[in-house]
Amino acid sequence: MFFKNKIVWITGASSGIGEALVYELAKQNATIVISSNQENELKRVKDNVERTGAQCFVQFLDITDIEGINQATTQIINLFGKIDVLINNAGISQRSYIVETPIDLDRKIMEINYFGTIALTKAVLPYMIKQNYGYIAVTSSISGKFGFPLRSAYSAAKHALHGFFETLRSEVYNHNIKVLIAFPGRVQTNISLHALTKDGTAHGEMDKGQAGGITSEKCARQYLKAIEKDKKEVLIGSIELLMVYIHKFLPNLFYKLARKIKST
């Protein structure tokens, strides 16, 4: 019951890994603040949580709206007086080749996956420093460990997150603030359905590899356990995680395999 009575704020909480995290936290009687830009889905998740007896609060949030991020943070602090755990889980994926991807799409993906995430972290950070403790987690991807076809902007944004959050970990150590970077592989979520194609529309298809991945519930349990154990990083998935080690120790084999990858 590590999270019992803790104030936990989760972005991207209306589906997938974020939603699964909410339900796992509800089992531990955490007080959960859920955010995304899907208001109706947030209400559905809230209703599911409240049936268990746990406390859940909806905070609608467009992760690209910096002013909205600051306002939301102030509202949560005014309501609870603190934020114990921030889980940066909002994001969007991609399914397009570099040569066909307009730069505006690269910028959009970076705004959502990188700038929005660090903006929220910067908004929450002063309060955690003042209270002299906290936990900050960010959902990356094994695509943040290496790049491969159809994910150029997505992979780039995840790589950028690593530089930011590894630096943050060093800077906040003396303030008793812990930082976790989570690297999910194939997880059964709708992320591929909503992934952006070259013209900015949704991919609309479930990738075969992803459909065969671990459940979002299993991912959420491993994710929260990593926070509890104060891990710096956690790889979450199945056999696809071998690619991380192949990339590190057998790079020539990795590049040969990567050329054949069409989906996660």
C-alpha atoms as a PDB file:
ATOM      1  CA  MET A   1       0.000   0.000   0.000  1.00  0.00           C
ATOM      2  CA  PHE A   2       2.844   2.365  -0.860  1.00  0.00           C
ATOM      3  CA  PHE A   3       0.491   4.838  -2.542  1.00  0.00           C
ATOM      4  CA  LYS A   4      -2.185   4.867   0.183  1.00  0.00           C
ATOM      5  CA  ASN A   5      -3.388   8.433   0.857  1.00  0.00           C
ATOM      6  CA  LYS A   6      -0.857   9.890  -1.584  1.00  0.00           C
ATOM      7  CA  ILE A   7      -1.973  12.545  -4.067  1.00  0.00           C
ATOM      8  CA  VAL A   8      -1.127  11.113  -7.483  1.00  0.00           C
ATOM      9  CA  TRP A   9      -1.581  13.128 -10.689  1.00  0.00           C
ATOM     10  CA  ILE A  10      -1.629  11.141 -13.942  1.00  0.00           C
ATOM     11  CA  THR A  11      -1.772  12.598 -17.449  1.00  0.00           C
ATOM     12  CA  GLY A  12      -3.001  10.548 -20.390  1.00  0.00           C
ATOM     13  CA  ALA A  13      -5.301   8.874 -17.869  1.00  0.00           C
ATOM     14  CA  SER A  14      -8.332   8.355 -20.123  1.00  0.00           C
ATOM     15  CA  SER A  15      -7.081   5.187 -21.831  1.00  0.00           C
ATOM     16  CA  GLY A  16      -4.284   2.649 -22.150  1.00  0.00           C
ATOM     17  CA  ILE A  17      -1.427   2.591 -19.666  1.00  0.00           C
ATOM     18  CA  GLY A  18      -2.683   5.733 -17.937  1.00  0.00           C
ATOM     19  CA  GLU A  19      -6.125   4.286 -17.301  1.00  0.00           C
ATOM     20  CA  ALA A  20      -4.616   1.034 -16.045  1.00  0.00           C
ATOM     21  CA  LEU A  21      -2.387   2.995 -13.658  1.00  0.00           C
ATOM     22  CA  VAL A  22      -5.453   4.727 -12.267  1.00  0.00           C
ATOM     23  CA  TYR A  23      -7.181   1.441 -11.439  1.00  0.00           C
ATOM     24  CA  GLU A  24      -4.062  -0.030  -9.834  1.00  0.00           C
ATOM     25  CA  LEU A  25      -3.679   3.093  -7.695  1.00  0.00           C
ATOM     26  CA  ALA A  26      -7.339   2.876  -6.698  1.00  0.00           C
ATOM     27  CA  LYS A  27      -6.626  -0.580  -5.257  1.00  0.00           C
ATOM     28  CA  GLN A  28      -4.077   1.071  -2.955  1.00  0.00           C
ATOM     29  CA  ASN A  29      -6.487   3.820  -1.873  1.00  0.00           C
ATOM     30  CA  ALA A  30      -4.486   6.626  -3.431  1.00  0.00           C
ATOM     31  CA  THR A  31      -6.179   9.963  -4.085  1.00  0.00           C
ATOM     32  CA  ILE A  32      -5.972  10.200  -7.862  1.00  0.00           C
ATOM     33  CA  VAL A  33      -6.119  13.252 -10.137  1.00  0.00           C
ATOM     34  CA  ILE A  34      -6.711  12.190 -13.734  1.00  0.00           C
ATOM     35  CA  SER A  35      -6.004  14.354 -16.767  1.00  0.00           C
ATOM     36  CA  SER A  36      -6.258  14.194 -20.539  1.00  0.00           C
ATOM     37  CA  ASN A  37      -7.976  16.121 -23.323  1.00  0.00           C
ATOM     38  CA  GLN A  38     -10.789  13.533 -23.527  1.00  0.00           C
ATOM     39  CA  GLU A  39     -13.312  14.830 -21.023  1.00  0.00           C
ATOM     40  CA  ASN A  40     -15.996  12.181 -21.543  1.00  0.00           C
ATOM     41  CA  GLU A  41     -13.458   9.378 -21.179  1.00  0.00           C
ATOM     42  CA  LEU A  42     -12.107  10.952 -17.996  1.00  0.00           C
ATOM     43  CA  LYS A  43     -15.608  10.938 -16.528  1.00  0.00           C
ATOM     44  CA  ARG A  44     -15.944   7.260 -17.429  1.00  0.00           C
ATOM     45  CA  VAL A  45     -12.664   6.438 -15.670  1.00  0.00           C
ATOM     46  CA  LYS A  46     -13.696   8.503 -12.637  1.00  0.00           C
ATOM     47  CA  ASP A  47     -16.987   6.615 -12.387  1.00  0.00           C
ATOM     48  CA  ASN A  48     -15.136   3.284 -12.544  1.00  0.00           C
ATOM     49  CA  VAL A  49     -12.771   4.352  -9.774  1.00  0.00           C
ATOM     50  CA  GLU A  50     -15.464   5.688  -7.490  1.00  0.00           C
ATOM     51  CA  ARG A  51     -17.291   2.357  -7.626  1.00  0.00           C
ATOM     52  CA  THR A  52     -14.285   0.931  -5.781  1.00  0.00           C
ATOM     53  CA  GLY A  53     -14.544   3.527  -3.026  1.00  0.00           C
ATOM     54  CA  ALA A  54     -11.325   5.337  -3.974  1.00  0.00           C
ATOM     55  CA  GLN A  55     -11.152   9.095  -4.508  1.00  0.00           C
ATOM     56  CA  CYS A  56     -10.734  10.359  -8.059  1.00  0.00           C
ATOM     57  CA  PHE A  57     -10.745  13.931  -9.371  1.00  0.00           C
ATOM     58  CA  VAL A  58     -10.950  15.018 -13.011  1.00  0.00           C
ATOM     59  CA  GLN A  59      -8.648  17.782 -14.219  1.00  0.00           C
ATOM     60  CA  PHE A  60      -9.185  18.370 -17.938  1.00  0.00           C
ATOM     61  CA  LEU A  61      -5.850  19.236 -19.552  1.00  0.00           C
ATOM     62  CA  ASP A  62      -4.527  20.033 -23.000  1.00  0.00           C
ATOM     63  CA  ILE A  63      -0.856  19.160 -22.578  1.00  0.00           C
ATOM     64  CA  THR A  64       0.110  21.721 -25.251  1.00  0.00           C
ATOM     65  CA  ASP A  65      -1.570  24.604 -23.380  1.00  0.00           C
ATOM     66  CA  ILE A  66       1.144  26.026 -21.129  1.00  0.00           C
ATOM     67  CA  GLU A  67      -1.141  28.521 -19.412  1.00  0.00           C
ATOM     68  CA  GLY A  68      -3.675  25.756 -18.842  1.00  0.00           C
ATOM     69  CA  ILE A  69      -0.962  23.571 -17.313  1.00  0.00           C
ATOM     70  CA  ASN A  70      -0.028  26.272 -14.822  1.00  0.00           C
ATOM     71  CA  GLN A  71      -3.658  26.914 -13.929  1.00  0.00           C
ATOM     72  CA  ALA A  72      -4.365  23.210 -13.447  1.00  0.00           C
ATOM     73  CA  THR A  73      -1.336  22.841 -11.173  1.00  0.00           C
ATOM     74  CA  THR A  74      -2.463  25.780  -9.037  1.00  0.00           C
ATOM     75  CA  GLN A  75      -5.970  24.329  -8.772  1.00  0.00           C
ATOM     76  CA  ILE A  76      -4.672  20.958  -7.593  1.00  0.00           C
ATOM     77  CA  ILE A  77      -2.361  22.553  -5.026  1.00  0.00           C
ATOM     78  CA  ASN A  78      -5.216  24.725  -3.766  1.00  0.00           C
ATOM     79  CA  LEU A  79      -7.409  21.638  -3.423  1.00  0.00           C
ATOM     80  CA  PHE A  80      -4.948  19.222  -1.801  1.00  0.00           C
ATOM     81  CA  GLY A  81      -2.045  21.357  -0.608  1.00  0.00           C
ATOM     82  CA  LYS A  82       0.494  19.049  -2.231  1.00  0.00           C
ATOM     83  CA  ILE A  83       1.272  16.645  -5.079  1.00  0.00           C
ATOM     84  CA  ASP A  84       3.090  13.517  -3.931  1.00  0.00           C
ATOM     85  CA  VAL A  85       3.456  11.760  -7.280  1.00  0.00           C
ATOM     86  CA  LEU A  86       3.357  13.084 -10.847  1.00  0.00           C
ATOM     87  CA  ILE A  87       3.137  10.509 -13.641  1.00  0.00           C
ATOM     88  CA  ASN A  88       3.740  12.120 -17.038  1.00  0.00           C
ATOM     89  CA  ASN A  89       1.966   9.665 -19.315  1.00  0.00           C
ATOM     90  CA  ALA A  90       0.365  11.823 -22.022  1.00  0.00           C
ATOM     91  CA  GLY A  91       1.641  11.268 -25.531  1.00  0.00           C
ATOM     92  CA  ILE A  92       0.966  10.385 -29.135  1.00  0.00           C
ATOM     93  CA  SER A  93       2.731   8.056 -31.552  1.00  0.00           C
ATOM     94  CA  GLN A  94       3.563   8.210 -35.245  1.00  0.00           C
ATOM     95  CA  ARG A  95       3.379   6.062 -38.382  1.00  0.00           C
ATOM     96  CA  SER A  96       5.144   7.876 -41.233  1.00  0.00           C
ATOM     97  CA  TYR A  97       8.491   7.903 -43.010  1.00  0.00           C
ATOM     98  CA  ILE A  98      10.839  10.855 -42.571  1.00  0.00           C
ATOM     99  CA  VAL A  99      10.766  11.784 -46.249  1.00  0.00           C
ATOM    100  CA  GLU A 100       6.971  12.148 -46.255  1.00  0.00           C
ATOM    101  CA  THR A 101       6.554  13.784 -42.817  1.00  0.00           C
ATOM    102  CA  PRO A 102       6.053  17.573 -42.922  1.00  0.00           C
ATOM    103  CA  ILE A 103       8.001  19.528 -40.340  1.00  0.00           C
ATOM    104  CA  ASP A 104       4.762  20.764 -38.791  1.00  0.00           C
ATOM    105  CA  LEU A 105       3.980  17.184 -37.812  1.00  0.00           C
ATOM    106  CA  ASP A 106       7.402  16.790 -36.191  1.00  0.00           C
ATOM    107  CA  ARG A 107       6.712  19.948 -34.206  1.00  0.00           C
ATOM    108  CA  LYS A 108       3.252  18.746 -33.138  1.00  0.00           C
ATOM    109  CA  ILE A 109       4.618  15.461 -31.833  1.00  0.00           C
ATOM    110  CA  MET A 110       7.404  17.263 -29.983  1.00  0.00           C
ATOM    111  CA  GLU A 111       4.904  19.709 -28.460  1.00  0.00           C
ATOM    112  CA  ILE A 112       2.801  16.881 -27.080  1.00  0.00           C
ATOM    113  CA  ASN A 113       5.444  14.319 -26.132  1.00  0.00           C
ATOM    114  CA  TYR A 114       8.251  16.610 -24.998  1.00  0.00           C
ATOM    115  CA  PHE A 115       7.417  20.282 -24.404  1.00  0.00           C
ATOM    116  CA  GLY A 116       4.040  19.602 -22.781  1.00  0.00           C
ATOM    117  CA  THR A 117       5.561  17.003 -20.499  1.00  0.00           C
ATOM    118  CA  ILE A 118       8.425  19.183 -19.321  1.00  0.00           C
ATOM    119  CA  ALA A 119       6.112  22.178 -18.934  1.00  0.00           C
ATOM    120  CA  LEU A 120       3.934  20.209 -16.510  1.00  0.00           C
ATOM    121  CA  THR A 121       6.992  18.936 -14.655  1.00  0.00           C
ATOM    122  CA  LYS A 122       8.311  22.494 -14.300  1.00  0.00           C
ATOM    123  CA  ALA A 123       4.927  23.653 -13.016  1.00  0.00           C
ATOM    124  CA  VAL A 124       4.816  20.957 -10.318  1.00  0.00           C
ATOM    125  CA  LEU A 125       8.501  20.998  -9.381  1.00  0.00           C
ATOM    126  CA  PRO A 126       8.574  24.136  -7.174  1.00  0.00           C
ATOM    127  CA  TYR A 127       5.865  22.649  -4.939  1.00  0.00           C
ATOM    128  CA  MET A 128       7.747  19.372  -4.586  1.00  0.00           C
ATOM    129  CA  ILE A 129      10.923  21.261  -3.742  1.00  0.00           C
ATOM    130  CA  LYS A 130       9.033  23.252  -1.113  1.00  0.00           C
ATOM    131  CA  GLN A 131       7.600  20.099   0.472  1.00  0.00           C
ATOM    132  CA  ASN A 132      11.056  18.476   0.182  1.00  0.00           C
ATOM    133  CA  TYR A 133       9.890  15.216  -1.340  1.00  0.00           C
ATOM    134  CA  GLY A 134       8.073  13.798  -4.328  1.00  0.00           C
ATOM    135  CA  TYR A 135       8.061  11.270  -7.132  1.00  0.00           C
ATOM    136  CA  ILE A 136       8.149  12.191 -10.797  1.00  0.00           C
ATOM    137  CA  ALA A 137       7.742   9.529 -13.463  1.00  0.00           C
ATOM    138  CA  VAL A 138       7.644   9.796 -17.239  1.00  0.00           C
ATOM    139  CA  THR A 139       6.420   7.264 -19.762  1.00  0.00           C
ATOM    140  CA  SER A 140       8.982   6.882 -22.503  1.00  0.00           C
ATOM    141  CA  SER A 141       9.178   3.868 -24.841  1.00  0.00           C
ATOM    142  CA  ILE A 142      11.765   1.426 -26.060  1.00  0.00           C
ATOM    143  CA  SER A 143      11.650   3.758 -29.079  1.00  0.00           C
ATOM    144  CA  GLY A 144      13.498   6.133 -26.792  1.00  0.00           C
ATOM    145  CA  LYS A 145      16.344   3.620 -26.535  1.00  0.00           C
ATOM    146  CA  PHE A 146      16.794   3.440 -30.305  1.00  0.00           C
ATOM    147  CA  GLY A 147      15.209   4.669 -33.515  1.00  0.00           C
ATOM    148  CA  PHE A 148      13.507   2.551 -36.157  1.00  0.00           C
ATOM    149  CA  PRO A 149      11.215   3.028 -39.180  1.00  0.00           C
ATOM    150  CA  LEU A 150       8.041   5.133 -39.074  1.00  0.00           C
ATOM    151  CA  ARG A 151       8.769   6.640 -35.633  1.00  0.00           C
ATOM    152  CA  SER A 152      11.292   9.417 -36.313  1.00  0.00           C
ATOM    153  CA  ALA A 153       9.576  12.273 -34.432  1.00  0.00           C
ATOM    154  CA  TYR A 154       8.163   9.963 -31.764  1.00  0.00           C
ATOM    155  CA  SER A 155      11.561   8.415 -31.108  1.00  0.00           C
ATOM    156  CA  ALA A 156      13.242  11.835 -31.138  1.00  0.00           C
ATOM    157  CA  ALA A 157      10.808  13.182 -28.541  1.00  0.00           C
ATOM    158  CA  LYS A 158      11.378  10.185 -26.281  1.00  0.00           C
ATOM    159  CA  HIS A 159      15.165  10.569 -26.592  1.00  0.00           C
ATOM    160  CA  ALA A 160      14.783  14.231 -25.628  1.00  0.00           C
ATOM    161  CA  LEU A 161      12.827  13.282 -22.521  1.00  0.00           C
ATOM    162  CA  HIS A 162      15.732  11.152 -21.329  1.00  0.00           C
ATOM    163  CA  GLY A 163      18.160  14.050 -21.395  1.00  0.00           C
ATOM    164  CA  PHE A 164      15.728  16.229 -19.478  1.00  0.00           C
ATOM    165  CA  PHE A 165      14.696  13.738 -16.811  1.00  0.00           C
ATOM    166  CA  GLU A 166      18.182  12.357 -16.221  1.00  0.00           C
ATOM    167  CA  THR A 167      19.331  15.924 -15.615  1.00  0.00           C
ATOM    168  CA  LEU A 168      16.334  16.537 -13.375  1.00  0.00           C
ATOM    169  CA  ARG A 169      17.175  13.461 -11.300  1.00  0.00           C
ATOM    170  CA  SER A 170      20.619  14.867 -10.526  1.00  0.00           C
ATOM    171  CA  GLU A 171      19.363  18.354  -9.754  1.00  0.00           C
ATOM    172  CA  VAL A 172      16.594  17.349  -7.321  1.00  0.00           C
ATOM    173  CA  TYR A 173      18.442  14.616  -5.438  1.00  0.00           C
ATOM    174  CA  ASN A 174      19.053  16.829  -2.407  1.00  0.00           C
ATOM    175  CA  HIS A 175      15.354  17.737  -2.316  1.00  0.00           C
ATOM    176  CA  ASN A 176      14.363  14.084  -1.812  1.00  0.00           C
ATOM    177  CA  ILE A 177      12.589  13.960  -5.166  1.00  0.00           C
ATOM    178  CA  LYS A 178      12.802  10.666  -7.055  1.00  0.00           C
ATOM    179  CA  VAL A 179      12.676  10.395 -10.849  1.00  0.00           C
ATOM    180  CA  LEU A 180      11.713   7.334 -12.899  1.00  0.00           C
ATOM    181  CA  ILE A 181      11.837   6.833 -16.665  1.00  0.00           C
ATOM    182  CA  ALA A 182       9.615   3.958 -17.801  1.00  0.00           C
ATOM    183  CA  PHE A 183      10.278   2.206 -21.112  1.00  0.00           C
ATOM    184  CA  PRO A 184       7.237   0.196 -22.223  1.00  0.00           C
ATOM    185  CA  GLY A 185       7.590  -2.064 -25.228  1.00  0.00           C
ATOM    186  CA  ARG A 186       4.574  -3.755 -26.742  1.00  0.00           C
ATOM    187  CA  VAL A 187       1.512  -3.074 -24.604  1.00  0.00           C
ATOM    188  CA  GLN A 188      -2.094  -3.720 -25.590  1.00  0.00           C
ATOM    189  CA  THR A 189      -3.377  -0.140 -25.870  1.00  0.00           C
ATOM    190  CA  ASN A 190      -4.920   2.041 -28.569  1.00  0.00           C
ATOM    191  CA  ILE A 191      -1.753   4.056 -29.149  1.00  0.00           C
ATOM    192  CA  SER A 192      -1.292   2.762 -32.701  1.00  0.00           C
ATOM    193  CA  LEU A 193      -4.922   3.580 -33.540  1.00  0.00           C
ATOM    194  CA  HIS A 194      -4.320   7.247 -32.674  1.00  0.00           C
ATOM    195  CA  ALA A 195      -0.782   7.460 -34.095  1.00  0.00           C
ATOM    196  CA  LEU A 196      -0.328  10.290 -36.585  1.00  0.00           C
ATOM    197  CA  THR A 197       0.264   9.514 -40.254  1.00  0.00           C
ATOM    198  CA  LYS A 198       1.974  11.756 -42.809  1.00  0.00           C
ATOM    199  CA  ASP A 199      -1.108  13.961 -43.274  1.00  0.00           C
ATOM    200  CA  GLY A 200      -1.797  14.276 -39.547  1.00  0.00           C
ATOM    201  CA  THR A 201      -4.742  11.866 -39.506  1.00  0.00           C
ATOM    202  CA  ALA A 202      -5.025   8.873 -37.199  1.00  0.00           C
ATOM    203  CA  HIS A 203      -3.410   5.608 -38.272  1.00  0.00           C
ATOM    204  CA  GLY A 204      -6.605   3.815 -37.314  1.00  0.00           C
ATOM    205  CA  GLU A 205      -5.112   0.336 -37.152  1.00  0.00           C
ATOM    206  CA  MET A 206      -3.934  -1.874 -34.317  1.00  0.00           C
ATOM    207  CA  ASP A 207      -0.367  -3.021 -34.969  1.00  0.00           C
ATOM    208  CA  LYS A 208      -0.063  -6.788 -34.910  1.00  0.00           C
ATOM    209  CA  GLY A 209       2.939  -6.735 -32.613  1.00  0.00           C
ATOM    210  CA  GLN A 210       1.202  -4.415 -30.186  1.00  0.00           C
ATOM    211  CA  ALA A 211      -1.936  -6.560 -30.149  1.00  0.00           C
ATOM    212  CA  GLY A 212       0.260  -9.427 -28.978  1.00  0.00           C
ATOM    213  CA  GLY A 213       1.922  -7.397 -26.233  1.00  0.00           C
ATOM    214  CA  ILE A 214       1.425  -7.528 -22.497  1.00  0.00           C
ATOM    215  CA  THR A 215      -1.767  -6.162 -21.001  1.00  0.00           C
ATOM    216  CA  SER A 216      -1.940  -2.574 -19.834  1.00  0.00           C
ATOM    217  CA  GLU A 217      -2.787  -3.913 -16.357  1.00  0.00           C
ATOM    218  CA  LYS A 218       0.464  -5.878 -16.186  1.00  0.00           C
ATOM    219  CA  CYS A 219       2.359  -2.837 -17.447  1.00  0.00           C
ATOM    220  CA  ALA A 220       0.773  -0.632 -14.787  1.00  0.00           C
ATOM    221  CA  ARG A 221       1.690  -3.011 -11.971  1.00  0.00           C
ATOM    222  CA  GLN A 222       5.346  -3.099 -13.051  1.00  0.00           C
ATOM    223  CA  TYR A 223       5.351   0.675 -13.520  1.00  0.00           C
ATOM    224  CA  LEU A 224       4.073   1.397 -10.014  1.00  0.00           C
ATOM    225  CA  LYS A 225       6.357  -1.205  -8.464  1.00  0.00           C
ATOM    226  CA  ALA A 226       9.318   0.594 -10.063  1.00  0.00           C
ATOM    227  CA  ILE A 227       8.241   3.879  -8.430  1.00  0.00           C
ATOM    228  CA  GLU A 228       7.854   2.127  -5.099  1.00  0.00           C
ATOM    229  CA  LYS A 229      11.342   0.619  -5.361  1.00  0.00           C
ATOM    230  CA  ASP A 230      12.871   3.971  -6.396  1.00  0.00           C
ATOM    231  CA  LYS A 231      14.212   2.601  -9.673  1.00  0.00           C
ATOM    232  CA  LYS A 232      15.841   5.043 -12.052  1.00  0.00           C
ATOM    233  CA  GLU A 233      14.604   3.204 -15.146  1.00  0.00           C
ATOM    234  CA  VAL A 234      12.321   0.266 -15.849  1.00  0.00           C
ATOM    235  CA  LEU A 235      11.900  -1.765 -19.027  1.00  0.00           C
ATOM    236  CA  ILE A 236       8.358  -3.118 -19.344  1.00  0.00           C
ATOM    237  CA  GLY A 237       7.314  -5.682 -21.907  1.00  0.00           C
ATOM    238  CA  SER A 238       8.192  -9.103 -23.239  1.00  0.00           C
ATOM    239  CA  ILE A 239      10.562 -10.542 -25.832  1.00  0.00           C
ATOM    240  CA  GLU A 240      10.776  -7.238 -27.734  1.00  0.00           C
ATOM    241  CA  LEU A 241      12.884  -5.860 -24.877  1.00  0.00           C
ATOM    242  CA  LEU A 242      15.735  -7.979 -26.218  1.00  0.00           C
ATOM    243  CA  MET A 243      16.121  -5.320 -28.903  1.00  0.00           C
ATOM    244  CA  VAL A 244      17.457  -2.940 -26.239  1.00  0.00           C
ATOM    245  CA  TYR A 245      20.317  -5.338 -25.470  1.00  0.00           C
ATOM    246  CA  ILE A 246      20.883  -6.264 -29.107  1.00  0.00           C
ATOM    247  CA  HIS A 247      21.203  -2.551 -29.886  1.00  0.00           C
ATOM    248  CA  LYS A 248      23.752  -2.147 -27.107  1.00  0.00           C
ATOM    249  CA  PHE A 249      25.878  -5.254 -27.576  1.00  0.00           C
ATOM    250  CA  LEU A 250      25.242  -6.351 -31.198  1.00  0.00           C
ATOM    251  CA  PRO A 251      24.640  -3.114 -33.095  1.00  0.00           C
ATOM    252  CA  ASN A 252      25.146  -4.564 -36.560  1.00  0.00           C
ATOM    253  CA  LEU A 253      22.489  -7.183 -35.904  1.00  0.00           C
ATOM    254  CA  PHE A 254      20.198  -4.527 -34.486  1.00  0.00           C
ATOM    255  CA  TYR A 255      20.371  -2.374 -37.620  1.00  0.00           C
ATOM    256  CA  LYS A 256      19.676  -5.388 -39.789  1.00  0.00           C
ATOM    257  CA  LEU A 257      16.612  -6.236 -37.720  1.00  0.00           C
ATOM    258  CA  ALA A 258      15.457  -2.626 -37.453  1.00  0.00           C
ATOM    259  CA  ARG A 259      15.248  -2.287 -41.243  1.00  0.00           C
ATOM    260  CA  LYS A 260      12.596  -4.997 -41.220  1.00  0.00           C
ATOM    261  CA  ILE A 261      10.431  -3.499 -38.470  1.00  0.00           C
ATOM    262  CA  LYS A 262       7.111  -2.146 -39.673  1.00  0.00           C
ATOM    263  CA  SER A 263       5.147  -2.032 -36.414  1.00  0.00           C
ATOM    264  CA  THR A 264       5.620  -2.251 -32.642  1.00  0.00           C
END
